[in-house]
Protein backbone atom coordinates (compact mmCIF):
# COMPACT_ATOMS: atom_id res chain seq x y z
CA UNK A 1 0.00 0.00 0.00
CA UNK A 2 1.32 3.45 -0.93
CA UNK A 3 1.78 5.60 2.17
CA UNK A 4 2.68 8.88 0.44
CA UNK A 5 2.54 10.60 -2.92
CA UNK A 6 6.09 11.95 -2.53
CA UNK A 7 9.25 9.83 -2.31
CA UNK A 8 11.45 9.92 0.78
CA UNK A 9 14.28 11.89 -0.80
CA UNK A 10 11.86 14.61 -1.94
CA UNK A 11 10.35 14.73 1.55
CA UNK A 12 13.78 15.10 3.13
CA UNK A 13 14.67 17.96 0.78
CA UNK A 14 11.36 19.72 1.40
CA UNK A 15 11.63 19.25 5.16
CA UNK A 16 15.18 20.58 5.24
CA UNK A 17 13.90 23.81 3.72
CA UNK A 18 11.25 24.11 6.46
CA UNK A 19 13.46 23.51 9.51
CA UNK A 20 16.64 24.81 11.10
CA UNK A 21 19.63 22.49 10.60
CA UNK A 22 19.52 21.49 14.28
CA UNK A 23 15.82 20.62 14.06
CA UNK A 24 16.37 18.74 10.82
CA UNK A 25 19.15 16.64 12.40
CA UNK A 26 16.83 15.95 15.35
CA UNK A 27 14.18 14.75 12.89
CA UNK A 28 16.65 12.35 11.27
CA UNK A 29 17.61 11.07 14.73
CA UNK A 30 13.97 10.48 15.62
CA UNK A 31 13.42 8.72 12.29
CA UNK A 32 16.34 6.32 12.87
CA UNK A 33 15.30 5.66 16.48
CA UNK A 34 11.69 5.06 15.45
CA UNK A 35 12.82 2.58 12.79
CA UNK A 36 14.92 0.67 15.34
CA UNK A 37 12.02 0.52 17.79
CA UNK A 38 9.56 -0.50 15.08
CA UNK A 39 11.82 -3.43 14.20
CA UNK A 40 11.95 -4.51 17.86
CA UNK A 41 8.19 -4.34 18.39
CA UNK A 42 6.96 -5.55 14.99
CA UNK A 43 5.51 -2.21 13.87
CA UNK A 44 5.41 -1.12 10.21
CA UNK A 45 8.90 0.28 9.58
CA UNK A 46 7.86 2.56 6.69
CA UNK A 47 5.18 4.21 8.82
CA UNK A 48 7.72 4.69 11.62
CA UNK A 49 10.18 6.18 9.10
CA UNK A 50 7.66 8.74 7.81
CA UNK A 51 6.29 9.67 11.24
CA UNK A 52 9.79 10.07 12.66
CA UNK A 53 11.04 12.19 9.78
CA UNK A 54 8.03 14.53 9.63
CA UNK A 55 6.90 14.77 13.27
CA UNK A 56 8.30 18.32 13.73
CA UNK A 57 7.49 19.69 10.26
CA UNK A 58 5.53 22.59 11.82
CA UNK A 59 7.98 23.25 14.66
CA UNK A 60 9.85 26.17 13.09
CA UNK A 61 6.78 28.10 11.96
CA UNK A 62 6.79 31.44 13.78
CA UNK A 63 4.61 31.25 16.89
CA UNK A 64 2.60 34.30 15.84
CA UNK A 65 1.65 32.54 12.58
CA UNK A 66 0.58 29.21 14.09
CA UNK A 67 -2.97 30.06 15.16
CA UNK A 68 -3.85 31.85 11.88
CA UNK A 69 -2.48 28.88 9.92
CA UNK A 70 -4.52 26.48 12.05
CA UNK A 71 -7.65 28.50 11.27
CA UNK A 72 -6.79 28.44 7.57
CA UNK A 73 -6.29 24.65 7.56
CA UNK A 74 -9.24 23.85 9.84
CA UNK A 75 -7.14 22.62 12.79
CA UNK A 76 -9.10 22.81 16.06
CA UNK A 77 -7.17 24.10 19.08
CA UNK A 78 -8.35 23.94 22.69
CA UNK A 79 -7.69 26.85 25.12
CA UNK A 80 -4.50 25.31 26.59
CA UNK A 81 -2.93 24.95 23.14
CA UNK A 82 -3.94 28.47 22.18
CA UNK A 83 -2.27 29.72 25.36
CA UNK A 84 0.86 27.56 25.03
CA UNK A 85 1.77 27.97 21.38
CA UNK A 86 4.63 25.49 21.69
CA UNK A 87 2.01 22.72 21.80
CA UNK A 88 0.41 23.69 18.49
CA UNK A 89 3.08 22.16 16.24
CA UNK A 90 1.81 18.59 16.79
CA UNK A 91 -1.77 19.26 15.61
CA UNK A 92 -0.61 21.61 12.87
CA UNK A 93 2.13 19.18 11.80
CA UNK A 94 -0.40 16.35 11.55
CA UNK A 95 -2.40 18.45 9.10
CA UNK A 96 0.71 19.50 7.18
CA UNK A 97 1.87 15.91 6.62
CA UNK A 98 -1.33 15.65 4.58
CA UNK A 99 -1.31 19.04 2.85
CA UNK A 100 2.45 19.50 2.32
CA UNK A 101 3.70 15.91 2.02
CA UNK A 102 0.69 14.10 0.58
CA UNK A 103 0.44 11.49 3.32
CA UNK A 104 -3.01 9.95 3.71
CA UNK A 105 -2.23 7.14 6.18
CA UNK A 106 -4.19 7.88 9.37
CA UNK A 107 -1.74 5.97 11.58
CA UNK A 108 1.15 8.19 10.49
CA UNK A 109 -0.99 11.33 10.81
CA UNK A 110 -2.13 10.38 14.33
CA UNK A 111 1.40 9.52 15.43
CA UNK A 112 2.45 13.07 14.53
CA UNK A 113 -0.67 14.51 16.17
CA UNK A 114 -0.09 12.83 19.54
CA UNK A 115 3.71 12.90 19.75
CA UNK A 116 3.81 15.79 22.23
CA UNK A 117 0.94 15.25 24.68
CA UNK A 118 0.31 11.52 24.28
CA UNK A 119 -3.20 10.17 24.86
CA UNK A 120 -5.10 7.18 26.18
CA UNK A 121 -5.25 4.05 23.97
CA UNK A 122 -2.18 5.01 21.93
CA UNK A 123 -1.22 2.69 19.08
CA UNK A 124 2.26 1.16 19.16
CA UNK A 125 3.31 3.53 16.35
CA UNK A 126 2.15 6.52 18.41
CA UNK A 127 4.08 5.26 21.45
CA UNK A 128 7.20 4.69 19.36
CA UNK A 129 7.15 8.23 17.94
CA UNK A 130 6.46 9.82 21.33
CA UNK A 131 9.40 7.92 22.84
CA UNK A 132 11.80 8.21 19.90
CA UNK A 133 11.36 12.00 20.07
CA UNK A 134 12.67 11.93 23.64
CA UNK A 135 15.52 9.41 23.40
CA UNK A 136 17.04 10.03 19.94
CA UNK A 137 20.85 10.38 20.05
CA UNK A 138 20.95 14.16 19.47
CA UNK A 139 18.86 14.86 22.58
CA UNK A 140 20.60 16.61 25.45
CA UNK A 141 20.98 14.00 28.21
CA UNK A 142 18.66 14.27 31.21
CA UNK A 143 18.36 12.42 34.49
CA UNK A 144 16.86 9.02 33.71
CA UNK A 145 17.46 8.96 29.95
CA UNK A 146 19.41 5.68 30.02
CA UNK A 147 16.68 3.99 32.09
CA UNK A 148 14.13 5.25 29.56
CA UNK A 149 16.22 4.03 26.61
CA UNK A 150 16.40 0.59 28.23
CA UNK A 151 12.61 0.50 28.73
CA UNK A 152 12.13 1.59 25.11
CA UNK A 153 13.77 -1.65 24.01
CA UNK A 154 11.68 -3.90 26.25
CA UNK A 155 8.27 -2.47 27.24
CA UNK A 156 6.52 0.34 25.35
CA UNK A 157 3.76 0.84 27.93
CA UNK A 158 6.07 1.18 30.92
CA UNK A 159 8.43 3.34 28.86
CA UNK A 160 5.45 5.62 28.15
CA UNK A 161 4.60 5.84 31.85
CA UNK A 162 8.23 6.65 32.72
CA UNK A 163 8.40 9.30 29.98
CA UNK A 164 5.07 10.86 30.93
CA UNK A 165 6.08 11.03 34.60
CA UNK A 166 9.31 12.86 33.65
CA UNK A 167 7.42 15.18 31.30
CA UNK A 168 4.84 16.09 33.94
CA UNK A 169 7.58 16.77 36.51
CA UNK A 170 9.33 19.04 33.99
CA UNK A 171 6.14 20.98 33.16
CA UNK A 172 5.30 21.43 36.85
CA UNK A 173 8.86 22.59 37.57
CA UNK A 174 8.44 25.28 34.89
CA UNK A 175 5.03 26.26 36.35
CA UNK A 176 3.26 25.63 33.04
CA UNK A 177 -0.33 24.44 32.75
CA UNK A 178 -0.58 20.67 32.32
CA UNK A 179 -2.82 19.50 29.49
CA UNK A 180 -5.57 17.11 30.62
CA UNK A 181 -4.67 14.81 27.70
CA UNK A 182 -1.24 14.16 29.22
CA UNK A 183 -2.67 13.50 32.67
CA UNK A 184 -5.21 11.08 31.19
CA UNK A 185 -2.41 9.31 29.32
CA UNK A 186 -0.37 9.03 32.52
CA UNK A 187 -3.31 7.46 34.37
CA UNK A 188 -4.00 5.10 31.48
CA UNK A 189 -0.42 3.78 31.35
CA UNK A 190 -0.24 3.61 35.15
CA UNK A 191 -3.18 1.20 35.13
CA UNK A 192 -1.63 -0.90 32.35
CA UNK A 193 1.72 -1.16 34.10
CA UNK A 194 0.05 -2.01 37.42
CA UNK A 195 -1.77 -4.87 35.70
CA UNK A 196 1.50 -6.11 34.19
CA UNK A 197 3.13 -6.16 37.64
CA UNK A 198 0.20 -7.74 39.50
CA UNK A 199 -1.06 -9.92 36.64
C-alpha atoms as a PDB file:
ATOM      1  CA  UNK A   1       0.000   0.000   0.000  1.00  0.00           C
ATOM      2  CA  UNK A   2       1.325   3.447  -0.933  1.00  0.00           C
ATOM      3  CA  UNK A   3       1.784   5.604   2.166  1.00  0.00           C
ATOM      4  CA  UNK A   4       2.676   8.879   0.445  1.00  0.00           C
ATOM      5  CA  UNK A   5       2.536  10.601  -2.925  1.00  0.00           C
ATOM      6  CA  UNK A   6       6.090  11.949  -2.534  1.00  0.00           C
ATOM      7  CA  UNK A   7       9.245   9.826  -2.306  1.00  0.00           C
ATOM      8  CA  UNK A   8      11.445   9.919   0.785  1.00  0.00           C
ATOM      9  CA  UNK A   9      14.276  11.895  -0.796  1.00  0.00           C
ATOM     10  CA  UNK A  10      11.857  14.608  -1.944  1.00  0.00           C
ATOM     11  CA  UNK A  11      10.354  14.725   1.552  1.00  0.00           C
ATOM     12  CA  UNK A  12      13.781  15.101   3.127  1.00  0.00           C
ATOM     13  CA  UNK A  13      14.671  17.958   0.782  1.00  0.00           C
ATOM     14  CA  UNK A  14      11.362  19.716   1.404  1.00  0.00           C
ATOM     15  CA  UNK A  15      11.633  19.253   5.163  1.00  0.00           C
ATOM     16  CA  UNK A  16      15.183  20.576   5.237  1.00  0.00           C
ATOM     17  CA  UNK A  17      13.897  23.808   3.718  1.00  0.00           C
ATOM     18  CA  UNK A  18      11.253  24.110   6.459  1.00  0.00           C
ATOM     19  CA  UNK A  19      13.461  23.508   9.513  1.00  0.00           C
ATOM     20  CA  UNK A  20      16.641  24.806  11.096  1.00  0.00           C
ATOM     21  CA  UNK A  21      19.632  22.490  10.603  1.00  0.00           C
ATOM     22  CA  UNK A  22      19.517  21.486  14.276  1.00  0.00           C
ATOM     23  CA  UNK A  23      15.816  20.623  14.064  1.00  0.00           C
ATOM     24  CA  UNK A  24      16.373  18.735  10.818  1.00  0.00           C
ATOM     25  CA  UNK A  25      19.148  16.644  12.403  1.00  0.00           C
ATOM     26  CA  UNK A  26      16.830  15.953  15.350  1.00  0.00           C
ATOM     27  CA  UNK A  27      14.184  14.752  12.888  1.00  0.00           C
ATOM     28  CA  UNK A  28      16.653  12.352  11.266  1.00  0.00           C
ATOM     29  CA  UNK A  29      17.611  11.068  14.728  1.00  0.00           C
ATOM     30  CA  UNK A  30      13.967  10.478  15.620  1.00  0.00           C
ATOM     31  CA  UNK A  31      13.420   8.716  12.286  1.00  0.00           C
ATOM     32  CA  UNK A  32      16.338   6.319  12.869  1.00  0.00           C
ATOM     33  CA  UNK A  33      15.299   5.659  16.479  1.00  0.00           C
ATOM     34  CA  UNK A  34      11.686   5.057  15.447  1.00  0.00           C
ATOM     35  CA  UNK A  35      12.817   2.581  12.788  1.00  0.00           C
ATOM     36  CA  UNK A  36      14.921   0.672  15.338  1.00  0.00           C
ATOM     37  CA  UNK A  37      12.020   0.522  17.795  1.00  0.00           C
ATOM     38  CA  UNK A  38       9.555  -0.496  15.077  1.00  0.00           C
ATOM     39  CA  UNK A  39      11.816  -3.431  14.197  1.00  0.00           C
ATOM     40  CA  UNK A  40      11.951  -4.513  17.855  1.00  0.00           C
ATOM     41  CA  UNK A  41       8.189  -4.345  18.394  1.00  0.00           C
ATOM     42  CA  UNK A  42       6.964  -5.545  14.990  1.00  0.00           C
ATOM     43  CA  UNK A  43       5.506  -2.209  13.871  1.00  0.00           C
ATOM     44  CA  UNK A  44       5.406  -1.118  10.208  1.00  0.00           C
ATOM     45  CA  UNK A  45       8.897   0.281   9.582  1.00  0.00           C
ATOM     46  CA  UNK A  46       7.863   2.564   6.695  1.00  0.00           C
ATOM     47  CA  UNK A  47       5.182   4.212   8.818  1.00  0.00           C
ATOM     48  CA  UNK A  48       7.720   4.692  11.618  1.00  0.00           C
ATOM     49  CA  UNK A  49      10.177   6.178   9.101  1.00  0.00           C
ATOM     50  CA  UNK A  50       7.657   8.740   7.809  1.00  0.00           C
ATOM     51  CA  UNK A  51       6.288   9.665  11.243  1.00  0.00           C
ATOM     52  CA  UNK A  52       9.789  10.069  12.658  1.00  0.00           C
ATOM     53  CA  UNK A  53      11.039  12.194   9.781  1.00  0.00           C
ATOM     54  CA  UNK A  54       8.030  14.530   9.629  1.00  0.00           C
ATOM     55  CA  UNK A  55       6.903  14.774  13.265  1.00  0.00           C
ATOM     56  CA  UNK A  56       8.297  18.316  13.731  1.00  0.00           C
ATOM     57  CA  UNK A  57       7.488  19.688  10.256  1.00  0.00           C
ATOM     58  CA  UNK A  58       5.526  22.587  11.818  1.00  0.00           C
ATOM     59  CA  UNK A  59       7.975  23.251  14.657  1.00  0.00           C
ATOM     60  CA  UNK A  60       9.848  26.168  13.090  1.00  0.00           C
ATOM     61  CA  UNK A  61       6.775  28.098  11.957  1.00  0.00           C
ATOM     62  CA  UNK A  62       6.790  31.437  13.779  1.00  0.00           C
ATOM     63  CA  UNK A  63       4.607  31.251  16.888  1.00  0.00           C
ATOM     64  CA  UNK A  64       2.595  34.296  15.840  1.00  0.00           C
ATOM     65  CA  UNK A  65       1.648  32.542  12.580  1.00  0.00           C
ATOM     66  CA  UNK A  66       0.582  29.212  14.089  1.00  0.00           C
ATOM     67  CA  UNK A  67      -2.971  30.058  15.162  1.00  0.00           C
ATOM     68  CA  UNK A  68      -3.847  31.849  11.881  1.00  0.00           C
ATOM     69  CA  UNK A  69      -2.477  28.877   9.921  1.00  0.00           C
ATOM     70  CA  UNK A  70      -4.521  26.476  12.048  1.00  0.00           C
ATOM     71  CA  UNK A  71      -7.648  28.501  11.265  1.00  0.00           C
ATOM     72  CA  UNK A  72      -6.789  28.445   7.570  1.00  0.00           C
ATOM     73  CA  UNK A  73      -6.289  24.649   7.563  1.00  0.00           C
ATOM     74  CA  UNK A  74      -9.238  23.850   9.836  1.00  0.00           C
ATOM     75  CA  UNK A  75      -7.139  22.616  12.787  1.00  0.00           C
ATOM     76  CA  UNK A  76      -9.100  22.811  16.055  1.00  0.00           C
ATOM     77  CA  UNK A  77      -7.169  24.095  19.083  1.00  0.00           C
ATOM     78  CA  UNK A  78      -8.354  23.945  22.687  1.00  0.00           C
ATOM     79  CA  UNK A  79      -7.688  26.846  25.118  1.00  0.00           C
ATOM     80  CA  UNK A  80      -4.497  25.314  26.592  1.00  0.00           C
ATOM     81  CA  UNK A  81      -2.930  24.951  23.139  1.00  0.00           C
ATOM     82  CA  UNK A  82      -3.943  28.475  22.178  1.00  0.00           C
ATOM     83  CA  UNK A  83      -2.273  29.725  25.361  1.00  0.00           C
ATOM     84  CA  UNK A  84       0.863  27.565  25.026  1.00  0.00           C
ATOM     85  CA  UNK A  85       1.771  27.975  21.380  1.00  0.00           C
ATOM     86  CA  UNK A  86       4.628  25.486  21.694  1.00  0.00           C
ATOM     87  CA  UNK A  87       2.011  22.720  21.796  1.00  0.00           C
ATOM     88  CA  UNK A  88       0.409  23.690  18.493  1.00  0.00           C
ATOM     89  CA  UNK A  89       3.079  22.158  16.242  1.00  0.00           C
ATOM     90  CA  UNK A  90       1.810  18.590  16.786  1.00  0.00           C
ATOM     91  CA  UNK A  91      -1.767  19.261  15.608  1.00  0.00           C
ATOM     92  CA  UNK A  92      -0.610  21.612  12.870  1.00  0.00           C
ATOM     93  CA  UNK A  93       2.126  19.184  11.798  1.00  0.00           C
ATOM     94  CA  UNK A  94      -0.396  16.346  11.547  1.00  0.00           C
ATOM     95  CA  UNK A  95      -2.400  18.451   9.102  1.00  0.00           C
ATOM     96  CA  UNK A  96       0.705  19.500   7.181  1.00  0.00           C
ATOM     97  CA  UNK A  97       1.869  15.914   6.618  1.00  0.00           C
ATOM     98  CA  UNK A  98      -1.326  15.652   4.579  1.00  0.00           C
ATOM     99  CA  UNK A  99      -1.307  19.036   2.851  1.00  0.00           C
ATOM    100  CA  UNK A 100       2.455  19.497   2.324  1.00  0.00           C
ATOM    101  CA  UNK A 101       3.699  15.911   2.021  1.00  0.00           C
ATOM    102  CA  UNK A 102       0.689  14.100   0.576  1.00  0.00           C
ATOM    103  CA  UNK A 103       0.439  11.491   3.325  1.00  0.00           C
ATOM    104  CA  UNK A 104      -3.006   9.947   3.711  1.00  0.00           C
ATOM    105  CA  UNK A 105      -2.235   7.142   6.181  1.00  0.00           C
ATOM    106  CA  UNK A 106      -4.188   7.884   9.366  1.00  0.00           C
ATOM    107  CA  UNK A 107      -1.738   5.969  11.581  1.00  0.00           C
ATOM    108  CA  UNK A 108       1.150   8.195  10.493  1.00  0.00           C
ATOM    109  CA  UNK A 109      -0.992  11.335  10.813  1.00  0.00           C
ATOM    110  CA  UNK A 110      -2.127  10.383  14.330  1.00  0.00           C
ATOM    111  CA  UNK A 111       1.400   9.515  15.426  1.00  0.00           C
ATOM    112  CA  UNK A 112       2.453  13.072  14.532  1.00  0.00           C
ATOM    113  CA  UNK A 113      -0.669  14.515  16.166  1.00  0.00           C
ATOM    114  CA  UNK A 114      -0.090  12.827  19.539  1.00  0.00           C
ATOM    115  CA  UNK A 115       3.712  12.900  19.750  1.00  0.00           C
ATOM    116  CA  UNK A 116       3.811  15.794  22.227  1.00  0.00           C
ATOM    117  CA  UNK A 117       0.944  15.255  24.679  1.00  0.00           C
ATOM    118  CA  UNK A 118       0.305  11.525  24.284  1.00  0.00           C
ATOM    119  CA  UNK A 119      -3.202  10.173  24.861  1.00  0.00           C
ATOM    120  CA  UNK A 120      -5.104   7.180  26.182  1.00  0.00           C
ATOM    121  CA  UNK A 121      -5.248   4.053  23.974  1.00  0.00           C
ATOM    122  CA  UNK A 122      -2.177   5.006  21.931  1.00  0.00           C
ATOM    123  CA  UNK A 123      -1.217   2.694  19.084  1.00  0.00           C
ATOM    124  CA  UNK A 124       2.257   1.162  19.163  1.00  0.00           C
ATOM    125  CA  UNK A 125       3.305   3.525  16.353  1.00  0.00           C
ATOM    126  CA  UNK A 126       2.150   6.518  18.414  1.00  0.00           C
ATOM    127  CA  UNK A 127       4.082   5.262  21.449  1.00  0.00           C
ATOM    128  CA  UNK A 128       7.196   4.692  19.357  1.00  0.00           C
ATOM    129  CA  UNK A 129       7.155   8.225  17.937  1.00  0.00           C
ATOM    130  CA  UNK A 130       6.464   9.817  21.331  1.00  0.00           C
ATOM    131  CA  UNK A 131       9.400   7.920  22.843  1.00  0.00           C
ATOM    132  CA  UNK A 132      11.798   8.212  19.899  1.00  0.00           C
ATOM    133  CA  UNK A 133      11.356  11.997  20.068  1.00  0.00           C
ATOM    134  CA  UNK A 134      12.671  11.929  23.643  1.00  0.00           C
ATOM    135  CA  UNK A 135      15.518   9.408  23.404  1.00  0.00           C
ATOM    136  CA  UNK A 136      17.036  10.027  19.945  1.00  0.00           C
ATOM    137  CA  UNK A 137      20.854  10.377  20.048  1.00  0.00           C
ATOM    138  CA  UNK A 138      20.952  14.165  19.466  1.00  0.00           C
ATOM    139  CA  UNK A 139      18.861  14.861  22.581  1.00  0.00           C
ATOM    140  CA  UNK A 140      20.596  16.613  25.451  1.00  0.00           C
ATOM    141  CA  UNK A 141      20.985  13.996  28.206  1.00  0.00           C
ATOM    142  CA  UNK A 142      18.660  14.268  31.205  1.00  0.00           C
ATOM    143  CA  UNK A 143      18.359  12.415  34.486  1.00  0.00           C
ATOM    144  CA  UNK A 144      16.858   9.017  33.711  1.00  0.00           C
ATOM    145  CA  UNK A 145      17.462   8.962  29.945  1.00  0.00           C
ATOM    146  CA  UNK A 146      19.408   5.680  30.022  1.00  0.00           C
ATOM    147  CA  UNK A 147      16.684   3.990  32.088  1.00  0.00           C
ATOM    148  CA  UNK A 148      14.133   5.246  29.562  1.00  0.00           C
ATOM    149  CA  UNK A 149      16.217   4.030  26.614  1.00  0.00           C
ATOM    150  CA  UNK A 150      16.404   0.588  28.226  1.00  0.00           C
ATOM    151  CA  UNK A 151      12.614   0.501  28.728  1.00  0.00           C
ATOM    152  CA  UNK A 152      12.126   1.591  25.106  1.00  0.00           C
ATOM    153  CA  UNK A 153      13.768  -1.654  24.009  1.00  0.00           C
ATOM    154  CA  UNK A 154      11.685  -3.901  26.255  1.00  0.00           C
ATOM    155  CA  UNK A 155       8.272  -2.475  27.235  1.00  0.00           C
ATOM    156  CA  UNK A 156       6.521   0.338  25.350  1.00  0.00           C
ATOM    157  CA  UNK A 157       3.760   0.837  27.930  1.00  0.00           C
ATOM    158  CA  UNK A 158       6.071   1.179  30.920  1.00  0.00           C
ATOM    159  CA  UNK A 159       8.426   3.341  28.856  1.00  0.00           C
ATOM    160  CA  UNK A 160       5.447   5.616  28.148  1.00  0.00           C
ATOM    161  CA  UNK A 161       4.604   5.835  31.855  1.00  0.00           C
ATOM    162  CA  UNK A 162       8.225   6.650  32.718  1.00  0.00           C
ATOM    163  CA  UNK A 163       8.405   9.299  29.984  1.00  0.00           C
ATOM    164  CA  UNK A 164       5.067  10.862  30.927  1.00  0.00           C
ATOM    165  CA  UNK A 165       6.083  11.026  34.599  1.00  0.00           C
ATOM    166  CA  UNK A 166       9.311  12.856  33.647  1.00  0.00           C
ATOM    167  CA  UNK A 167       7.419  15.180  31.297  1.00  0.00           C
ATOM    168  CA  UNK A 168       4.838  16.094  33.942  1.00  0.00           C
ATOM    169  CA  UNK A 169       7.579  16.771  36.511  1.00  0.00           C
ATOM    170  CA  UNK A 170       9.325  19.044  33.988  1.00  0.00           C
ATOM    171  CA  UNK A 171       6.139  20.982  33.162  1.00  0.00           C
ATOM    172  CA  UNK A 172       5.302  21.432  36.851  1.00  0.00           C
ATOM    173  CA  UNK A 173       8.859  22.588  37.568  1.00  0.00           C
ATOM    174  CA  UNK A 174       8.443  25.276  34.890  1.00  0.00           C
ATOM    175  CA  UNK A 175       5.027  26.257  36.345  1.00  0.00           C
ATOM    176  CA  UNK A 176       3.262  25.627  33.041  1.00  0.00           C
ATOM    177  CA  UNK A 177      -0.326  24.444  32.750  1.00  0.00           C
ATOM    178  CA  UNK A 178      -0.584  20.672  32.322  1.00  0.00           C
ATOM    179  CA  UNK A 179      -2.820  19.503  29.494  1.00  0.00           C
ATOM    180  CA  UNK A 180      -5.567  17.108  30.619  1.00  0.00           C
ATOM    181  CA  UNK A 181      -4.673  14.813  27.698  1.00  0.00           C
ATOM    182  CA  UNK A 182      -1.238  14.160  29.216  1.00  0.00           C
ATOM    183  CA  UNK A 183      -2.670  13.504  32.673  1.00  0.00           C
ATOM    184  CA  UNK A 184      -5.208  11.079  31.193  1.00  0.00           C
ATOM    185  CA  UNK A 185      -2.412   9.311  29.320  1.00  0.00           C
ATOM    186  CA  UNK A 186      -0.370   9.032  32.515  1.00  0.00           C
ATOM    187  CA  UNK A 187      -3.314   7.461  34.372  1.00  0.00           C
ATOM    188  CA  UNK A 188      -3.999   5.096  31.476  1.00  0.00           C
ATOM    189  CA  UNK A 189      -0.420   3.781  31.350  1.00  0.00           C
ATOM    190  CA  UNK A 190      -0.244   3.613  35.147  1.00  0.00           C
ATOM    191  CA  UNK A 191      -3.183   1.201  35.130  1.00  0.00           C
ATOM    192  CA  UNK A 192      -1.635  -0.905  32.349  1.00  0.00           C
ATOM    193  CA  UNK A 193       1.719  -1.159  34.104  1.00  0.00           C
ATOM    194  CA  UNK A 194       0.055  -2.014  37.416  1.00  0.00           C
ATOM    195  CA  UNK A 195      -1.773  -4.873  35.700  1.00  0.00           C
ATOM    196  CA  UNK A 196       1.496  -6.115  34.191  1.00  0.00           C
ATOM    197  CA  UNK A 197       3.128  -6.161  37.638  1.00  0.00           C
ATOM    198  CA  UNK A 198       0.198  -7.742  39.497  1.00  0.00           C
ATOM    199  CA  UNK A 199      -1.062  -9.925  36.643  1.00  0.00           C
END
